Amino acid sequence: MNLKELAALLDLSQTTVSRALNGYPEVSKTTRMRVLQMARKYNYQPNARASSLATGRAMTIGHIIPVHSSNDVGNPIFGEFITGASQTYSANGYELLLSIADHLNEADTYRNIAARGTVDGVIVHSPRRDDPRVQLLQELDIPFVIHGRVPDTTLEYSWIDTNNRRAFRQATKLLIDLGHRQIALINGLETLTFAWLRRQGFEEAMRDAGLTVNPECLSSDELTETHGYHSASSMLAQGNHPTAFLVSSYVVALGVRRAIAHAGLRLGEDISVIIHDDELSFFQNNDPEPQFTATRSSVRQAGVQAAQMLLDIIDDHDRTPRTKLLEAQLTIGVSTGPVRTSGQLTTQR
C-alpha cells in the first residue's frame, strides 16, 4: 500500500496523512491516532528517506548502550526495553540506531552523532546518581529521555523510571512481617541509580522495623547468575546466616536458588527469596503460582512509554521536560514463607 491509497481509505489528503505519520503538531491527536491505526492495520511503511527530506528530520532514534564489561552486551533487560521502544518507533515511521559504547568514551559517541545529525533524539540507559550525560546532551541540544533518574543534579530533564525505592521497601516489609530478621540484599552495581534506590528502600524498611543491616549480608555487582550464586553461597556459610534474600533480578535469583539447593536447604521453606521481575520474555515468572515472590514491572512497557515520551518531546518545540514514575506490583509466589528456627530447617535428601 502506498500513501495515496492510505489517504483514500481514510478520506484525508495525502498531506494530512503524511503529517500525521511524521508527528507534525498541527495534526490533531485524534486524527493522528486514526492514521496510525489504519497504517498498522494495512502494514503501511512510510519511505524513511522521503520522510526525512520532507520533515528535515533523520527519522531515527539513537540508543547508546554503555558497556562496562562483556556481560553488558548480552543483558536481557536492554533487549526487552529496546523491543518495546522499537514497536513505538515503527508505528510512527522512525527507525532505531543502536550503538555500543565503552563507558569511558561514551561522551564522544554522543558528540559524533550530534555532529552528523544522524538521530532526532536519544534514549539514555543505565544512569548514575551524578550523571554527566544530562548536561552533555543539553549542551549538544539533542532531545533525550533517561530510562531511570539522576538524583544528584539540579538540571531539569525527561525521565521514566520504576519506583525502585518503594518496591524494595515493600518487599523488605513483607519479609519482616513473615518474621525474618536476618535479611540479605543481593543487588546490582550501586553506582547505578536503580540499585542505589533499591538499597535505600531496603535500609528504610529495616530501620523502620528497628532492625540493623548486617554488612556481611550486602552484596552488589553485575546482574549475573554467578553473582547470585557466589554471594548467596558465602552468606549461607555464615554461622548466623540470612533466612531471606532480596534479589535485584530474576537472572541473579537463579544463582541464589542454586546456592540454596547446594546448601541442602529448601526455597520458600528454609530460605525465603523475593526478586525484582522485569517480566523478561525468556525468564517467565507469571505462572498461576509464580516460583518467585516478586516486585513486578514490565521493562518492555517502559520501553514503549519512553519511546513515546521522546517522540512527543521531539514534536514539542519548547521541549518541555516530562517525567513518569511507574509503580511495581508485589506478587506472591512460592519462594517466601514464615521464618523457621534452626531446629526447623530441613535438609534435602
C-alpha atoms as a PDB file:
ATOM      1  CA  MET A   1       0.000   0.000   0.000  1.00  0.00           C
ATOM      2  CA  ASN A   2       1.264   3.483  -0.863  1.00  0.00           C
ATOM      3  CA  LEU A   3       0.499   6.875   0.666  1.00  0.00           C
ATOM      4  CA  LYS A   4      -2.136   7.721  -1.928  1.00  0.00           C
ATOM      5  CA  GLU A   5      -4.087   4.523  -1.228  1.00  0.00           C
ATOM      6  CA  LEU A   6      -3.859   5.009   2.550  1.00  0.00           C
ATOM      7  CA  ALA A   7      -5.123   8.588   2.246  1.00  0.00           C
ATOM      8  CA  ALA A   8      -8.066   7.398   0.107  1.00  0.00           C
ATOM      9  CA  LEU A   9      -9.063   4.810   2.711  1.00  0.00           C
ATOM     10  CA  LEU A  10      -9.012   7.475   5.416  1.00  0.00           C
ATOM     11  CA  ASP A  11     -10.753  10.084   3.223  1.00  0.00           C
ATOM     12  CA  LEU A  12      -7.941  12.504   4.047  1.00  0.00           C
ATOM     13  CA  SER A  13      -5.463  14.384   1.915  1.00  0.00           C
ATOM     14  CA  GLN A  14      -2.044  12.845   1.354  1.00  0.00           C
ATOM     15  CA  THR A  15      -0.507  15.882   3.041  1.00  0.00           C
ATOM     16  CA  THR A  16      -2.560  15.357   6.211  1.00  0.00           C
ATOM     17  CA  VAL A  17      -1.723  11.649   6.332  1.00  0.00           C
ATOM     18  CA  SER A  18       1.974  12.353   5.817  1.00  0.00           C
ATOM     19  CA  ARG A  19       1.990  14.995   8.516  1.00  0.00           C
ATOM     20  CA  ALA A  20       0.162  12.671  10.921  1.00  0.00           C
ATOM     21  CA  LEU A  21       2.652   9.871  10.302  1.00  0.00           C
ATOM     22  CA  ASN A  22       5.583  12.229  10.807  1.00  0.00           C
ATOM     23  CA  GLY A  23       4.323  13.759  14.038  1.00  0.00           C
ATOM     24  CA  TYR A  24       3.525  17.305  12.955  1.00  0.00           C
ATOM     25  CA  PRO A  25       1.962  19.133  15.929  1.00  0.00           C
ATOM     26  CA  GLU A  26      -0.730  20.847  13.836  1.00  0.00           C
ATOM     27  CA  VAL A  27      -2.419  17.477  13.219  1.00  0.00           C
ATOM     28  CA  SER A  28      -4.915  16.682  15.975  1.00  0.00           C
ATOM     29  CA  LYS A  29      -4.223  13.756  18.278  1.00  0.00           C
ATOM     30  CA  THR A  30      -7.481  12.083  17.197  1.00  0.00           C
ATOM     31  CA  THR A  31      -6.550  12.264  13.515  1.00  0.00           C
ATOM     32  CA  ARG A  32      -3.018  11.128  14.184  1.00  0.00           C
ATOM     33  CA  MET A  33      -4.189   8.054  16.120  1.00  0.00           C
ATOM     34  CA  ARG A  34      -6.717   7.228  13.398  1.00  0.00           C
ATOM     35  CA  VAL A  35      -3.994   7.401  10.743  1.00  0.00           C
ATOM     36  CA  LEU A  36      -1.552   5.309  12.792  1.00  0.00           C
ATOM     37  CA  GLN A  37      -4.176   2.643  13.482  1.00  0.00           C
ATOM     38  CA  MET A  38      -5.049   2.364   9.781  1.00  0.00           C
ATOM     39  CA  ALA A  39      -1.353   2.267   8.849  1.00  0.00           C
ATOM     40  CA  ARG A  40      -0.764  -0.600  11.279  1.00  0.00           C
ATOM     41  CA  LYS A  41      -3.867  -2.440  10.056  1.00  0.00           C
ATOM     42  CA  TYR A  42      -2.666  -2.415   6.439  1.00  0.00           C
ATOM     43  CA  ASN A  43       1.040  -2.705   7.314  1.00  0.00           C
ATOM     44  CA  TYR A  44       1.835   0.613   5.658  1.00  0.00           C
ATOM     45  CA  GLN A  45       5.512   1.543   5.958  1.00  0.00           C
ATOM     46  CA  PRO A  46       6.429   5.120   5.031  1.00  0.00           C
ATOM     47  CA  ASN A  47       9.547   5.704   2.993  1.00  0.00           C
ATOM     48  CA  ALA A  48      12.037   6.834   5.639  1.00  0.00           C
ATOM     49  CA  ARG A  49      14.236   8.717   3.185  1.00  0.00           C
ATOM     50  CA  ALA A  50      11.282  10.609   1.718  1.00  0.00           C
ATOM     51  CA  SER A  51      10.006  11.413   5.196  1.00  0.00           C
ATOM     52  CA  SER A  52      13.416  12.725   6.170  1.00  0.00           C
ATOM     53  CA  LEU A  53      13.558  15.036   3.162  1.00  0.00           C
ATOM     54  CA  ALA A  54      10.029  16.297   3.802  1.00  0.00           C
ATOM     55  CA  THR A  55      10.456  16.984   7.520  1.00  0.00           C
ATOM     56  CA  GLY A  56      14.128  17.842   7.844  1.00  0.00           C
ATOM     57  CA  ARG A  57      14.426  15.042  10.363  1.00  0.00           C
ATOM     58  CA  ALA A  58      16.616  11.948  10.362  1.00  0.00           C
ATOM     59  CA  MET A  59      13.569   9.852  11.349  1.00  0.00           C
ATOM     60  CA  THR A  60      15.923   7.860  13.564  1.00  0.00           C
ATOM     61  CA  ILE A  61      16.214   7.479  17.343  1.00  0.00           C
ATOM     62  CA  GLY A  62      19.509   6.544  18.968  1.00  0.00           C
ATOM     63  CA  HIS A  63      20.096   4.110  21.806  1.00  0.00           C
ATOM     64  CA  ILE A  64      23.643   4.233  23.140  1.00  0.00           C
ATOM     65  CA  ILE A  65      24.327   1.204  25.338  1.00  0.00           C
ATOM     66  CA  PRO A  66      27.168   1.894  27.789  1.00  0.00           C
ATOM     67  CA  VAL A  67      29.375  -1.165  28.210  1.00  0.00           C
ATOM     68  CA  HIS A  68      31.279  -1.620  31.470  1.00  0.00           C
ATOM     69  CA  SER A  69      32.053  -5.301  30.831  1.00  0.00           C
ATOM     70  CA  SER A  70      31.353  -8.131  28.411  1.00  0.00           C
ATOM     71  CA  ASN A  71      28.237  -9.017  30.431  1.00  0.00           C
ATOM     72  CA  ASP A  72      26.519  -5.743  29.492  1.00  0.00           C
ATOM     73  CA  VAL A  73      26.260  -6.629  25.800  1.00  0.00           C
ATOM     74  CA  GLY A  74      24.058  -9.653  26.484  1.00  0.00           C
ATOM     75  CA  ASN A  75      21.963  -8.042  29.216  1.00  0.00           C
ATOM     76  CA  PRO A  76      18.376  -9.218  28.523  1.00  0.00           C
ATOM     77  CA  ILE A  77      16.928  -6.111  30.188  1.00  0.00           C
ATOM     78  CA  PHE A  78      18.328  -3.888  27.430  1.00  0.00           C
ATOM     79  CA  GLY A  79      16.941  -6.200  24.763  1.00  0.00           C
ATOM     80  CA  GLU A  80      13.475  -6.222  26.311  1.00  0.00           C
ATOM     81  CA  PHE A  81      13.415  -2.428  26.671  1.00  0.00           C
ATOM     82  CA  ILE A  82      14.562  -1.862  23.094  1.00  0.00           C
ATOM     83  CA  THR A  83      11.953  -4.305  21.772  1.00  0.00           C
ATOM     84  CA  GLY A  84       9.224  -2.210  23.370  1.00  0.00           C
ATOM     85  CA  ALA A  85      10.716   1.059  22.146  1.00  0.00           C
ATOM     86  CA  SER A  86      11.076  -0.287  18.597  1.00  0.00           C
ATOM     87  CA  GLN A  87       7.346  -1.015  18.428  1.00  0.00           C
ATOM     88  CA  THR A  88       6.637   2.671  19.047  1.00  0.00           C
ATOM     89  CA  TYR A  89       9.245   3.898  16.579  1.00  0.00           C
ATOM     90  CA  SER A  90       7.966   1.621  13.827  1.00  0.00           C
ATOM     91  CA  ALA A  91       4.366   2.730  14.331  1.00  0.00           C
ATOM     92  CA  ASN A  92       5.468   6.348  13.950  1.00  0.00           C
ATOM     93  CA  GLY A  93       7.739   5.922  10.912  1.00  0.00           C
ATOM     94  CA  TYR A  94      11.022   6.072  12.847  1.00  0.00           C
ATOM     95  CA  GLU A  95      14.000   3.749  12.746  1.00  0.00           C
ATOM     96  CA  LEU A  96      16.332   2.769  15.577  1.00  0.00           C
ATOM     97  CA  LEU A  97      20.097   3.289  15.655  1.00  0.00           C
ATOM     98  CA  LEU A  98      21.773   1.072  18.245  1.00  0.00           C
ATOM     99  CA  SER A  99      25.354   1.824  19.281  1.00  0.00           C
ATOM    100  CA  ILE A 100      27.559   0.066  21.803  1.00  0.00           C
ATOM    101  CA  ALA A 101      29.992   2.405  23.532  1.00  0.00           C
ATOM    102  CA  ASP A 102      32.678   1.857  26.129  1.00  0.00           C
ATOM    103  CA  HIS A 103      31.534   3.848  29.153  1.00  0.00           C
ATOM    104  CA  LEU A 104      34.873   5.696  29.232  1.00  0.00           C
ATOM    105  CA  ASN A 105      34.339   7.030  25.667  1.00  0.00           C
ATOM    106  CA  GLU A 106      30.563   7.348  25.709  1.00  0.00           C
ATOM    107  CA  ALA A 107      30.625  11.160  25.562  1.00  0.00           C
ATOM    108  CA  ASP A 108      32.484  11.001  22.231  1.00  0.00           C
ATOM    109  CA  THR A 109      29.739   8.793  20.805  1.00  0.00           C
ATOM    110  CA  TYR A 110      27.114  11.399  21.660  1.00  0.00           C
ATOM    111  CA  ARG A 111      29.238  14.190  20.211  1.00  0.00           C
ATOM    112  CA  ASN A 112      29.700  12.257  16.967  1.00  0.00           C
ATOM    113  CA  ILE A 113      26.003  11.581  16.400  1.00  0.00           C
ATOM    114  CA  ALA A 114      25.222  15.211  17.196  1.00  0.00           C
ATOM    115  CA  ALA A 115      27.806  16.419  14.676  1.00  0.00           C
ATOM    116  CA  ARG A 116      26.495  14.106  11.947  1.00  0.00           C
ATOM    117  CA  GLY A 117      22.829  14.781  12.687  1.00  0.00           C
ATOM    118  CA  THR A 118      22.058  11.080  12.370  1.00  0.00           C
ATOM    119  CA  VAL A 119      19.354  10.973  15.063  1.00  0.00           C
ATOM    120  CA  ASP A 120      16.443  13.142  16.174  1.00  0.00           C
ATOM    121  CA  GLY A 121      16.764  12.111  19.802  1.00  0.00           C
ATOM    122  CA  VAL A 122      18.267   9.507  22.129  1.00  0.00           C
ATOM    123  CA  ILE A 123      17.287   7.241  24.994  1.00  0.00           C
ATOM    124  CA  VAL A 124      19.863   7.243  27.798  1.00  0.00           C
ATOM    125  CA  HIS A 125      20.466   3.936  29.593  1.00  0.00           C
ATOM    126  CA  SER A 126      21.998   2.971  32.961  1.00  0.00           C
ATOM    127  CA  PRO A 127      22.025   6.401  34.632  1.00  0.00           C
ATOM    128  CA  ARG A 128      24.277   7.056  37.579  1.00  0.00           C
ATOM    129  CA  ARG A 129      23.500   9.224  40.607  1.00  0.00           C
ATOM    130  CA  ASP A 130      25.591  12.106  39.269  1.00  0.00           C
ATOM    131  CA  ASP A 131      25.491  11.520  35.524  1.00  0.00           C
ATOM    132  CA  PRO A 132      27.371  13.965  33.260  1.00  0.00           C
ATOM    133  CA  ARG A 133      25.305  12.912  30.228  1.00  0.00           C
ATOM    134  CA  VAL A 134      22.414  15.171  31.316  1.00  0.00           C
ATOM    135  CA  GLN A 135      24.495  18.324  30.935  1.00  0.00           C
ATOM    136  CA  LEU A 136      26.291  16.982  27.847  1.00  0.00           C
ATOM    137  CA  LEU A 137      23.088  16.264  25.920  1.00  0.00           C
ATOM    138  CA  GLN A 138      21.591  19.601  26.870  1.00  0.00           C
ATOM    139  CA  GLU A 139      24.722  21.333  25.593  1.00  0.00           C
ATOM    140  CA  LEU A 140      24.560  19.289  22.370  1.00  0.00           C
ATOM    141  CA  ASP A 141      20.868  20.227  22.036  1.00  0.00           C
ATOM    142  CA  ILE A 142      19.749  16.629  21.490  1.00  0.00           C
ATOM    143  CA  PRO A 143      16.256  15.693  22.751  1.00  0.00           C
ATOM    144  CA  PHE A 144      16.576  12.807  25.198  1.00  0.00           C
ATOM    145  CA  VAL A 145      14.758  10.675  27.754  1.00  0.00           C
ATOM    146  CA  ILE A 146      16.556   8.800  30.514  1.00  0.00           C
ATOM    147  CA  HIS A 147      15.453   5.297  31.446  1.00  0.00           C
ATOM    148  CA  GLY A 148      15.960   5.895  35.145  1.00  0.00           C
ATOM    149  CA  ARG A 149      16.848   9.005  37.104  1.00  0.00           C
ATOM    150  CA  VAL A 150      19.829  11.153  38.081  1.00  0.00           C
ATOM    151  CA  PRO A 151      19.154  12.274  41.664  1.00  0.00           C
ATOM    152  CA  ASP A 152      22.339  14.310  42.161  1.00  0.00           C
ATOM    153  CA  THR A 153      21.643  17.068  39.638  1.00  0.00           C
ATOM    154  CA  THR A 154      19.748  20.338  39.708  1.00  0.00           C
ATOM    155  CA  LEU A 155      19.140  20.256  35.944  1.00  0.00           C
ATOM    156  CA  GLU A 156      15.655  19.535  34.626  1.00  0.00           C
ATOM    157  CA  TYR A 157      15.420  16.605  32.241  1.00  0.00           C
ATOM    158  CA  SER A 158      12.967  13.983  30.985  1.00  0.00           C
ATOM    159  CA  TRP A 159      12.881  10.523  32.506  1.00  0.00           C
ATOM    160  CA  ILE A 160      10.816   7.390  33.016  1.00  0.00           C
ATOM    161  CA  ASP A 161      11.574   5.077  35.914  1.00  0.00           C
ATOM    162  CA  THR A 162      10.232   2.368  38.178  1.00  0.00           C
ATOM    163  CA  ASN A 163       9.742   3.311  41.830  1.00  0.00           C
ATOM    164  CA  ASN A 164      12.625   1.094  42.949  1.00  0.00           C
ATOM    165  CA  ARG A 165      12.856   2.561  46.446  1.00  0.00           C
ATOM    166  CA  ARG A 166       9.187   1.880  47.216  1.00  0.00           C
ATOM    167  CA  ALA A 167       9.282  -1.574  45.608  1.00  0.00           C
ATOM    168  CA  PHE A 168      12.166  -2.800  47.751  1.00  0.00           C
ATOM    169  CA  ARG A 169      10.793  -1.149  50.864  1.00  0.00           C
ATOM    170  CA  GLN A 170       7.536  -3.079  50.373  1.00  0.00           C
ATOM    171  CA  ALA A 171       9.391  -6.320  49.642  1.00  0.00           C
ATOM    172  CA  THR A 172      11.540  -5.960  52.765  1.00  0.00           C
ATOM    173  CA  LYS A 173       8.485  -5.183  54.875  1.00  0.00           C
ATOM    174  CA  LEU A 174       6.811  -8.380  53.649  1.00  0.00           C
ATOM    175  CA  LEU A 175       9.810 -10.425  54.763  1.00  0.00           C
ATOM    176  CA  ILE A 176       9.819  -8.673  58.134  1.00  0.00           C
ATOM    177  CA  ASP A 177       6.094  -9.370  58.543  1.00  0.00           C
ATOM    178  CA  LEU A 178       6.879 -13.050  57.897  1.00  0.00           C
ATOM    179  CA  GLY A 179       9.223 -12.956  60.890  1.00  0.00           C
ATOM    180  CA  HIS A 180      12.564 -12.628  59.081  1.00  0.00           C
ATOM    181  CA  ARG A 181      15.206 -10.562  60.833  1.00  0.00           C
ATOM    182  CA  GLN A 182      18.394 -11.653  59.053  1.00  0.00           C
ATOM    183  CA  ILE A 183      17.663 -10.386  55.536  1.00  0.00           C
ATOM    184  CA  ALA A 184      20.302 -10.185  52.793  1.00  0.00           C
ATOM    185  CA  LEU A 185      20.334  -7.853  49.796  1.00  0.00           C
ATOM    186  CA  ILE A 186      21.982  -9.116  46.599  1.00  0.00           C
ATOM    187  CA  ASN A 187      21.952  -6.016  44.449  1.00  0.00           C
ATOM    188  CA  GLY A 188      23.155  -4.617  41.142  1.00  0.00           C
ATOM    189  CA  LEU A 189      26.069  -2.206  40.903  1.00  0.00           C
ATOM    190  CA  GLU A 190      25.218   0.546  43.373  1.00  0.00           C
ATOM    191  CA  THR A 191      26.977   3.192  41.283  1.00  0.00           C
ATOM    192  CA  LEU A 192      23.839   2.893  39.116  1.00  0.00           C
ATOM    193  CA  THR A 193      20.766   4.742  40.334  1.00  0.00           C
ATOM    194  CA  PHE A 194      18.308   1.841  40.250  1.00  0.00           C
ATOM    195  CA  ALA A 195      20.455  -0.285  42.570  1.00  0.00           C
ATOM    196  CA  TRP A 196      21.197   2.615  44.909  1.00  0.00           C
ATOM    197  CA  LEU A 197      17.460   3.341  45.240  1.00  0.00           C
ATOM    198  CA  ARG A 198      16.706  -0.320  45.909  1.00  0.00           C
ATOM    199  CA  ARG A 199      19.236  -0.346  48.729  1.00  0.00           C
ATOM    200  CA  GLN A 200      17.669   2.835  50.118  1.00  0.00           C
ATOM    201  CA  GLY A 201      14.258   1.156  50.204  1.00  0.00           C
ATOM    202  CA  PHE A 202      15.690  -1.970  51.867  1.00  0.00           C
ATOM    203  CA  GLU A 203      17.506   0.012  54.545  1.00  0.00           C
ATOM    204  CA  GLU A 204      14.477   2.229  55.225  1.00  0.00           C
ATOM    205  CA  ALA A 205      12.257  -0.792  55.893  1.00  0.00           C
ATOM    206  CA  MET A 206      14.865  -2.375  58.150  1.00  0.00           C
ATOM    207  CA  ARG A 207      15.354   0.871  60.052  1.00  0.00           C
ATOM    208  CA  ASP A 208      11.592   1.432  60.440  1.00  0.00           C
ATOM    209  CA  ALA A 209      11.320  -2.043  61.990  1.00  0.00           C
ATOM    210  CA  GLY A 210      14.168  -1.320  64.393  1.00  0.00           C
ATOM    211  CA  LEU A 211      16.449  -3.821  62.671  1.00  0.00           C
ATOM    212  CA  THR A 212      20.160  -3.479  61.955  1.00  0.00           C
ATOM    213  CA  VAL A 213      21.528  -4.229  58.491  1.00  0.00           C
ATOM    214  CA  ASN A 214      24.360  -6.749  58.651  1.00  0.00           C
ATOM    215  CA  PRO A 215      27.165  -5.547  56.306  1.00  0.00           C
ATOM    216  CA  GLU A 216      28.039  -9.203  55.597  1.00  0.00           C
ATOM    217  CA  CYS A 217      24.539  -9.605  54.155  1.00  0.00           C
ATOM    218  CA  LEU A 218      25.049  -6.942  51.473  1.00  0.00           C
ATOM    219  CA  SER A 219      26.446  -7.650  48.008  1.00  0.00           C
ATOM    220  CA  SER A 220      26.433  -5.597  44.815  1.00  0.00           C
ATOM    221  CA  ASP A 221      27.790  -6.491  41.399  1.00  0.00           C
ATOM    222  CA  GLU A 222      26.696  -7.054  37.815  1.00  0.00           C
ATOM    223  CA  LEU A 223      23.345  -8.779  37.408  1.00  0.00           C
ATOM    224  CA  THR A 224      24.577 -12.286  36.588  1.00  0.00           C
ATOM    225  CA  GLU A 225      23.703 -15.784  37.775  1.00  0.00           C
ATOM    226  CA  THR A 226      27.202 -16.261  39.163  1.00  0.00           C
ATOM    227  CA  HIS A 227      26.879 -13.070  41.233  1.00  0.00           C
ATOM    228  CA  GLY A 228      23.790 -14.539  42.851  1.00  0.00           C
ATOM    229  CA  TYR A 229      25.368 -17.955  43.409  1.00  0.00           C
ATOM    230  CA  HIS A 230      28.663 -16.789  44.906  1.00  0.00           C
ATOM    231  CA  SER A 231      27.069 -14.095  47.073  1.00  0.00           C
ATOM    232  CA  ALA A 232      24.374 -16.385  48.465  1.00  0.00           C
ATOM    233  CA  SER A 233      26.816 -19.280  48.986  1.00  0.00           C
ATOM    234  CA  SER A 234      29.143 -17.063  51.006  1.00  0.00           C
ATOM    235  CA  MET A 235      26.291 -15.697  53.116  1.00  0.00           C
ATOM    236  CA  LEU A 236      24.758 -19.136  53.751  1.00  0.00           C
ATOM    237  CA  ALA A 237      28.141 -20.375  55.005  1.00  0.00           C
ATOM    238  CA  GLN A 238      27.989 -17.882  57.874  1.00  0.00           C
ATOM    239  CA  GLY A 239      27.101 -19.146  61.332  1.00  0.00           C
ATOM    240  CA  ASN A 240      24.109 -16.824  61.674  1.00  0.00           C
ATOM    241  CA  HIS A 241      23.166 -16.902  58.002  1.00  0.00           C
ATOM    242  CA  PRO A 242      20.267 -14.978  56.395  1.00  0.00           C
ATOM    243  CA  THR A 243      16.828 -16.543  56.427  1.00  0.00           C
ATOM    244  CA  ALA A 244      15.708 -14.403  53.477  1.00  0.00           C
ATOM    245  CA  PHE A 245      17.183 -12.816  50.364  1.00  0.00           C
ATOM    246  CA  LEU A 246      16.073  -9.737  48.470  1.00  0.00           C
ATOM    247  CA  VAL A 247      17.443 -10.084  44.923  1.00  0.00           C
ATOM    248  CA  SER A 248      17.674  -7.449  42.183  1.00  0.00           C
ATOM    249  CA  SER A 249      16.794  -9.587  39.157  1.00  0.00           C
ATOM    250  CA  TYR A 250      15.433 -12.916  38.004  1.00  0.00           C
ATOM    251  CA  VAL A 251      18.796 -13.884  36.491  1.00  0.00           C
ATOM    252  CA  VAL A 252      20.630 -13.259  39.782  1.00  0.00           C
ATOM    253  CA  ALA A 253      17.907 -15.187  41.623  1.00  0.00           C
ATOM    254  CA  LEU A 254      18.698 -18.295  39.558  1.00  0.00           C
ATOM    255  CA  GLY A 255      22.141 -18.254  41.159  1.00  0.00           C
ATOM    256  CA  VAL A 256      20.657 -17.720  44.608  1.00  0.00           C
ATOM    257  CA  ARG A 257      18.328 -20.681  44.079  1.00  0.00           C
ATOM    258  CA  ARG A 258      21.327 -22.823  43.068  1.00  0.00           C
ATOM    259  CA  ALA A 259      23.219 -21.802  46.212  1.00  0.00           C
ATOM    260  CA  ILE A 260      20.238 -22.640  48.421  1.00  0.00           C
ATOM    261  CA  ALA A 261      19.970 -26.101  46.852  1.00  0.00           C
ATOM    262  CA  HIS A 262      23.724 -26.731  47.240  1.00  0.00           C
ATOM    263  CA  ALA A 263      23.437 -25.811  50.924  1.00  0.00           C
ATOM    264  CA  GLY A 264      20.804 -28.554  51.325  1.00  0.00           C
ATOM    265  CA  LEU A 265      18.049 -26.027  52.062  1.00  0.00           C
ATOM    266  CA  ARG A 266      14.595 -25.553  50.557  1.00  0.00           C
ATOM    267  CA  LEU A 267      13.493 -22.442  48.745  1.00  0.00           C
ATOM    268  CA  GLY A 268      10.344 -20.979  50.278  1.00  0.00           C
ATOM    269  CA  GLU A 269      10.592 -23.174  53.342  1.00  0.00           C
ATOM    270  CA  ASP A 270      14.044 -22.808  54.928  1.00  0.00           C
ATOM    271  CA  ILE A 271      15.007 -19.704  52.949  1.00  0.00           C
ATOM    272  CA  SER A 272      12.701 -17.035  51.507  1.00  0.00           C
ATOM    273  CA  VAL A 273      13.538 -15.090  48.353  1.00  0.00           C
ATOM    274  CA  ILE A 274      11.940 -12.007  46.779  1.00  0.00           C
ATOM    275  CA  ILE A 275      13.158 -10.803  43.393  1.00  0.00           C
ATOM    276  CA  HIS A 276      12.591  -7.867  41.102  1.00  0.00           C
ATOM    277  CA  ASP A 277      10.901  -9.219  37.977  1.00  0.00           C
ATOM    278  CA  ASP A 278      11.301  -7.165  34.784  1.00  0.00           C
ATOM    279  CA  GLU A 279       8.918  -9.591  33.028  1.00  0.00           C
ATOM    280  CA  LEU A 280      11.612 -10.789  30.644  1.00  0.00           C
ATOM    281  CA  SER A 281      10.434 -12.914  27.717  1.00  0.00           C
ATOM    282  CA  PHE A 282      12.962 -15.705  28.318  1.00  0.00           C
ATOM    283  CA  PHE A 283      12.574 -15.815  32.117  1.00  0.00           C
ATOM    284  CA  GLN A 284       8.876 -16.121  32.857  1.00  0.00           C
ATOM    285  CA  ASN A 285       7.616 -15.801  36.431  1.00  0.00           C
ATOM    286  CA  ASN A 286       3.916 -15.459  35.659  1.00  0.00           C
ATOM    287  CA  ASP A 287       2.547 -18.959  36.157  1.00  0.00           C
ATOM    288  CA  PRO A 288      -0.688 -19.305  38.158  1.00  0.00           C
ATOM    289  CA  GLU A 289       1.638 -19.954  41.111  1.00  0.00           C
ATOM    290  CA  PRO A 290       4.842 -17.971  40.396  1.00  0.00           C
ATOM    291  CA  GLN A 291       8.064 -19.619  41.537  1.00  0.00           C
ATOM    292  CA  PHE A 292       9.323 -16.320  42.968  1.00  0.00           C
ATOM    293  CA  THR A 293       7.585 -13.708  45.059  1.00  0.00           C
ATOM    294  CA  ALA A 294       8.439 -10.543  43.126  1.00  0.00           C
ATOM    295  CA  THR A 295       8.131  -6.830  42.647  1.00  0.00           C
ATOM    296  CA  ARG A 296       6.993  -6.777  39.010  1.00  0.00           C
ATOM    297  CA  SER A 297       7.359  -4.012  36.461  1.00  0.00           C
ATOM    298  CA  SER A 298       7.483  -4.619  32.705  1.00  0.00           C
ATOM    299  CA  VAL A 299      10.696  -3.240  31.214  1.00  0.00           C
ATOM    300  CA  ARG A 300       9.210  -3.737  27.725  1.00  0.00           C
ATOM    301  CA  GLN A 301       6.292  -1.442  28.567  1.00  0.00           C
ATOM    302  CA  ALA A 302       8.775   1.050  29.984  1.00  0.00           C
ATOM    303  CA  GLY A 303      10.445   0.992  26.552  1.00  0.00           C
ATOM    304  CA  VAL A 304       7.128   1.654  24.819  1.00  0.00           C
ATOM    305  CA  GLN A 305       6.378   4.610  27.084  1.00  0.00           C
ATOM    306  CA  ALA A 306       9.897   6.056  26.999  1.00  0.00           C
ATOM    307  CA  ALA A 307       9.884   5.995  23.193  1.00  0.00           C
ATOM    308  CA  GLN A 308       6.518   7.746  23.015  1.00  0.00           C
ATOM    309  CA  MET A 309       7.683  10.332  25.526  1.00  0.00           C
ATOM    310  CA  LEU A 310      10.750  11.059  23.383  1.00  0.00           C
ATOM    311  CA  LEU A 311       8.709  11.384  20.182  1.00  0.00           C
ATOM    312  CA  ASP A 312       6.358  13.791  21.967  1.00  0.00           C
ATOM    313  CA  ILE A 313       9.346  15.863  23.088  1.00  0.00           C
ATOM    314  CA  ILE A 314      10.698  15.949  19.532  1.00  0.00           C
ATOM    315  CA  ASP A 315       7.321  17.301  18.382  1.00  0.00           C
ATOM    316  CA  ASP A 316       7.314  19.876  21.202  1.00  0.00           C
ATOM    317  CA  HIS A 317       9.290  22.885  20.015  1.00  0.00           C
ATOM    318  CA  ASP A 318       9.757  24.007  23.649  1.00  0.00           C
ATOM    319  CA  ARG A 319      10.979  20.523  24.642  1.00  0.00           C
ATOM    320  CA  THR A 320       9.273  20.751  27.999  1.00  0.00           C
ATOM    321  CA  PRO A 321      10.774  18.113  30.367  1.00  0.00           C
ATOM    322  CA  ARG A 322       8.436  15.197  31.118  1.00  0.00           C
ATOM    323  CA  THR A 323       8.635  12.593  33.849  1.00  0.00           C
ATOM    324  CA  LYS A 324       6.856   9.361  34.679  1.00  0.00           C
ATOM    325  CA  LEU A 325       7.252   7.141  37.736  1.00  0.00           C
ATOM    326  CA  LEU A 326       5.967   3.581  37.286  1.00  0.00           C
ATOM    327  CA  GLU A 327       4.908   1.562  40.313  1.00  0.00           C
ATOM    328  CA  ALA A 328       5.951  -2.069  40.714  1.00  0.00           C
ATOM    329  CA  GLN A 329       3.382  -4.671  41.727  1.00  0.00           C
ATOM    330  CA  LEU A 330       4.202  -7.019  44.596  1.00  0.00           C
ATOM    331  CA  THR A 331       3.114 -10.544  43.616  1.00  0.00           C
ATOM    332  CA  ILE A 332       3.252 -13.563  45.903  1.00  0.00           C
ATOM    333  CA  GLY A 333       4.925 -16.780  44.753  1.00  0.00           C
ATOM    334  CA  VAL A 334       6.160 -19.984  46.358  1.00  0.00           C
ATOM    335  CA  SER A 335       9.590 -18.609  47.278  1.00  0.00           C
ATOM    336  CA  THR A 336       8.515 -16.936  50.522  1.00  0.00           C
ATOM    337  CA  GLY A 337       7.209 -18.233  53.821  1.00  0.00           C
ATOM    338  CA  PRO A 338       7.370 -17.639  57.565  1.00  0.00           C
ATOM    339  CA  VAL A 339      10.794 -17.683  59.164  1.00  0.00           C
ATOM    340  CA  ARG A 340      11.895 -21.040  60.515  1.00  0.00           C
ATOM    341  CA  THR A 341      14.090 -21.583  63.543  1.00  0.00           C
ATOM    342  CA  SER A 342      17.343 -23.520  63.228  1.00  0.00           C
ATOM    343  CA  GLY A 343      15.665 -26.570  64.655  1.00  0.00           C
ATOM    344  CA  GLN A 344      13.012 -26.463  61.967  1.00  0.00           C
ATOM    345  CA  LEU A 345      15.392 -26.246  58.995  1.00  0.00           C
ATOM    346  CA  THR A 346      15.072 -29.183  56.646  1.00  0.00           C
ATOM    347  CA  THR A 347      17.790 -30.908  54.680  1.00  0.00           C
ATOM    348  CA  GLN A 348      17.082 -32.193  51.200  1.00  0.00           C
ATOM    349  CA  ARG A 349      17.657 -35.869  50.686  1.00  0.00           C
END
